[in-house]
């Protein structure tokens, strides 16, 4: 696993590549490139942005782990409560529930 300094270099390189790709996409639009070329360039740019987010997320995780007081991953989110349990009729309680009369 790469260390934090190495990931910082990857982040800087990813930002440079992303900026260059954005310039290319804008140039295609200004120069009147066909719609197909602009769409392919936009899809490539979207993929590069996704990769940049992944690298940045990895950098933030490594930064958090490098903190001296980092104890581990954040606690899991609380479980959703099932409100149907509170709405069901209680068995054995008079006046609750539906009675069938014959």
C-alpha atoms as a PDB file:
ATOM      1  CA  UNK A   1       0.000   0.000   0.000  1.00  0.00           C
ATOM      2  CA  UNK A   2       1.444   3.392  -0.938  1.00  0.00           C
ATOM      3  CA  UNK A   3       2.253   5.864   1.796  1.00  0.00           C
ATOM      4  CA  UNK A   4       0.722   9.314   2.184  1.00  0.00           C
ATOM      5  CA  UNK A   5       3.512  11.204   0.358  1.00  0.00           C
ATOM      6  CA  UNK A   6       3.169   8.927  -2.650  1.00  0.00           C
ATOM      7  CA  UNK A   7      -0.611   9.380  -2.727  1.00  0.00           C
ATOM      8  CA  UNK A   8      -0.139  13.170  -2.556  1.00  0.00           C
ATOM      9  CA  UNK A   9       1.919  12.924  -5.743  1.00  0.00           C
ATOM     10  CA  UNK A  10      -0.820  10.857  -7.367  1.00  0.00           C
ATOM     11  CA  UNK A  11      -3.384  13.502  -6.363  1.00  0.00           C
ATOM     12  CA  UNK A  12      -1.311  16.299  -7.870  1.00  0.00           C
ATOM     13  CA  UNK A  13      -0.816  14.342 -11.078  1.00  0.00           C
ATOM     14  CA  UNK A  14      -4.525  13.505 -11.261  1.00  0.00           C
ATOM     15  CA  UNK A  15      -5.421  17.199 -10.874  1.00  0.00           C
ATOM     16  CA  UNK A  16      -3.028  18.126 -13.693  1.00  0.00           C
ATOM     17  CA  UNK A  17      -4.431  15.438 -16.000  1.00  0.00           C
ATOM     18  CA  UNK A  18      -7.982  16.467 -15.160  1.00  0.00           C
ATOM     19  CA  UNK A  19      -7.276  20.148 -15.866  1.00  0.00           C
ATOM     20  CA  UNK A  20      -5.665  19.233 -19.193  1.00  0.00           C
ATOM     21  CA  UNK A  21      -8.653  17.050 -20.137  1.00  0.00           C
ATOM     22  CA  UNK A  22     -11.087  19.860 -19.254  1.00  0.00           C
ATOM     23  CA  UNK A  23      -9.130  22.220 -21.506  1.00  0.00           C
ATOM     24  CA  UNK A  24      -9.329  19.729 -24.359  1.00  0.00           C
ATOM     25  CA  UNK A  25     -13.104  19.318 -23.945  1.00  0.00           C
ATOM     26  CA  UNK A  26     -13.591  23.103 -23.940  1.00  0.00           C
ATOM     27  CA  UNK A  27     -11.355  23.418 -27.028  1.00  0.00           C
ATOM     28  CA  UNK A  28     -13.447  20.839 -28.859  1.00  0.00           C
ATOM     29  CA  UNK A  29     -16.569  22.863 -28.127  1.00  0.00           C
ATOM     30  CA  UNK A  30     -15.020  26.149 -29.250  1.00  0.00           C
ATOM     31  CA  UNK A  31     -13.596  24.722 -32.446  1.00  0.00           C
ATOM     32  CA  UNK A  32     -16.913  23.205 -33.483  1.00  0.00           C
ATOM     33  CA  UNK A  33     -16.055  19.510 -33.218  1.00  0.00           C
ATOM     34  CA  UNK A  34     -18.815  17.087 -34.124  1.00  0.00           C
ATOM     35  CA  UNK A  35     -21.211  15.956 -31.415  1.00  0.00           C
ATOM     36  CA  UNK A  36     -19.775  12.430 -31.319  1.00  0.00           C
ATOM     37  CA  UNK A  37     -16.268  13.676 -30.570  1.00  0.00           C
ATOM     38  CA  UNK A  38     -17.544  16.031 -27.884  1.00  0.00           C
ATOM     39  CA  UNK A  39     -19.573  13.225 -26.288  1.00  0.00           C
ATOM     40  CA  UNK A  40     -16.573  10.855 -26.260  1.00  0.00           C
ATOM     41  CA  UNK A  41     -14.410  13.559 -24.737  1.00  0.00           C
ATOM     42  CA  UNK A  42     -17.070  14.299 -22.114  1.00  0.00           C
ATOM     43  CA  UNK A  43     -17.311  10.609 -21.214  1.00  0.00           C
ATOM     44  CA  UNK A  44     -13.544  10.417 -20.857  1.00  0.00           C
ATOM     45  CA  UNK A  45     -13.622  13.528 -18.674  1.00  0.00           C
ATOM     46  CA  UNK A  46     -16.335  11.982 -16.478  1.00  0.00           C
ATOM     47  CA  UNK A  47     -14.209   8.852 -16.051  1.00  0.00           C
ATOM     48  CA  UNK A  48     -11.182  10.950 -15.098  1.00  0.00           C
ATOM     49  CA  UNK A  49     -13.257  12.859 -12.546  1.00  0.00           C
ATOM     50  CA  UNK A  50     -14.402   9.568 -11.040  1.00  0.00           C
ATOM     51  CA  UNK A  51     -10.799   8.360 -10.772  1.00  0.00           C
ATOM     52  CA  UNK A  52      -9.827  11.676  -9.180  1.00  0.00           C
ATOM     53  CA  UNK A  53     -12.560  11.224  -6.548  1.00  0.00           C
ATOM     54  CA  UNK A  54     -11.336   7.684  -5.800  1.00  0.00           C
ATOM     55  CA  UNK A  55      -7.723   8.855  -5.396  1.00  0.00           C
ATOM     56  CA  UNK A  56      -8.828  11.783  -3.210  1.00  0.00           C
ATOM     57  CA  UNK A  57     -10.949   9.503  -1.015  1.00  0.00           C
ATOM     58  CA  UNK A  58      -7.958   7.189  -0.583  1.00  0.00           C
ATOM     59  CA  UNK A  59      -5.751  10.157   0.340  1.00  0.00           C
ATOM     60  CA  UNK A  60      -8.250  11.351   2.952  1.00  0.00           C
ATOM     61  CA  UNK A  61      -8.438   7.865   4.447  1.00  0.00           C
ATOM     62  CA  UNK A  62      -4.647   7.642   4.676  1.00  0.00           C
ATOM     63  CA  UNK A  63      -4.502  11.123   6.191  1.00  0.00           C
ATOM     64  CA  UNK A  64      -7.074  10.129   8.815  1.00  0.00           C
ATOM     65  CA  UNK A  65      -5.167   6.943   9.647  1.00  0.00           C
ATOM     66  CA  UNK A  66      -1.948   8.938  10.046  1.00  0.00           C
ATOM     67  CA  UNK A  67      -3.478  11.113  12.775  1.00  0.00           C
ATOM     68  CA  UNK A  68      -2.121  10.235  16.214  1.00  0.00           C
ATOM     69  CA  UNK A  69      -5.577   9.970  17.796  1.00  0.00           C
ATOM     70  CA  UNK A  70      -7.202   7.946  15.019  1.00  0.00           C
ATOM     71  CA  UNK A  71      -8.735   4.884  16.603  1.00  0.00           C
ATOM     72  CA  UNK A  72     -10.297   3.228  13.613  1.00  0.00           C
ATOM     73  CA  UNK A  73     -13.172   3.520  11.209  1.00  0.00           C
ATOM     74  CA  UNK A  74     -16.200   5.595  12.204  1.00  0.00           C
ATOM     75  CA  UNK A  75     -18.966   3.764  14.066  1.00  0.00           C
ATOM     76  CA  UNK A  76     -21.664   2.177  11.912  1.00  0.00           C
ATOM     77  CA  UNK A  77     -24.839   4.100  11.265  1.00  0.00           C
ATOM     78  CA  UNK A  78     -27.712   3.348  13.641  1.00  0.00           C
ATOM     79  CA  UNK A  79     -30.147   0.739  12.440  1.00  0.00           C
ATOM     80  CA  UNK A  80     -33.489   1.825  11.108  1.00  0.00           C
ATOM     81  CA  UNK A  81     -36.362   1.182  13.466  1.00  0.00           C
ATOM     82  CA  UNK A  82     -39.242  -0.885  12.262  1.00  0.00           C
ATOM     83  CA  UNK A  83     -42.359   1.080  13.196  1.00  0.00           C
ATOM     84  CA  UNK A  84     -44.643  -1.777  12.190  1.00  0.00           C
ATOM     85  CA  UNK A  85     -43.789  -3.504  15.457  1.00  0.00           C
ATOM     86  CA  UNK A  86     -45.435  -0.646  17.339  1.00  0.00           C
ATOM     87  CA  UNK A  87     -48.512  -0.632  15.124  1.00  0.00           C
ATOM     88  CA  UNK A  88     -49.317  -4.341  15.390  1.00  0.00           C
ATOM     89  CA  UNK A  89     -52.088  -5.309  17.798  1.00  0.00           C
ATOM     90  CA  UNK A  90     -50.839  -6.865  21.001  1.00  0.00           C
ATOM     91  CA  UNK A  91     -52.080 -10.343  21.709  1.00  0.00           C
ATOM     92  CA  UNK A  92     -53.784 -10.788  25.078  1.00  0.00           C
ATOM     93  CA  UNK A  93     -54.596  -7.119  25.664  1.00  0.00           C
ATOM     94  CA  UNK A  94     -58.349  -6.409  25.826  1.00  0.00           C
ATOM     95  CA  UNK A  95     -59.609  -3.737  23.503  1.00  0.00           C
ATOM     96  CA  UNK A  96     -56.739  -4.097  21.067  1.00  0.00           C
ATOM     97  CA  UNK A  97     -57.036  -5.820  17.742  1.00  0.00           C
ATOM     98  CA  UNK A  98     -60.006  -6.890  15.699  1.00  0.00           C
ATOM     99  CA  UNK A  99     -62.514  -9.468  16.933  1.00  0.00           C
ATOM    100  CA  UNK A 100     -64.547 -11.597  14.594  1.00  0.00           C
ATOM    101  CA  UNK A 101     -68.180 -12.059  15.708  1.00  0.00           C
ATOM    102  CA  UNK A 102     -70.348 -14.814  14.349  1.00  0.00           C
END
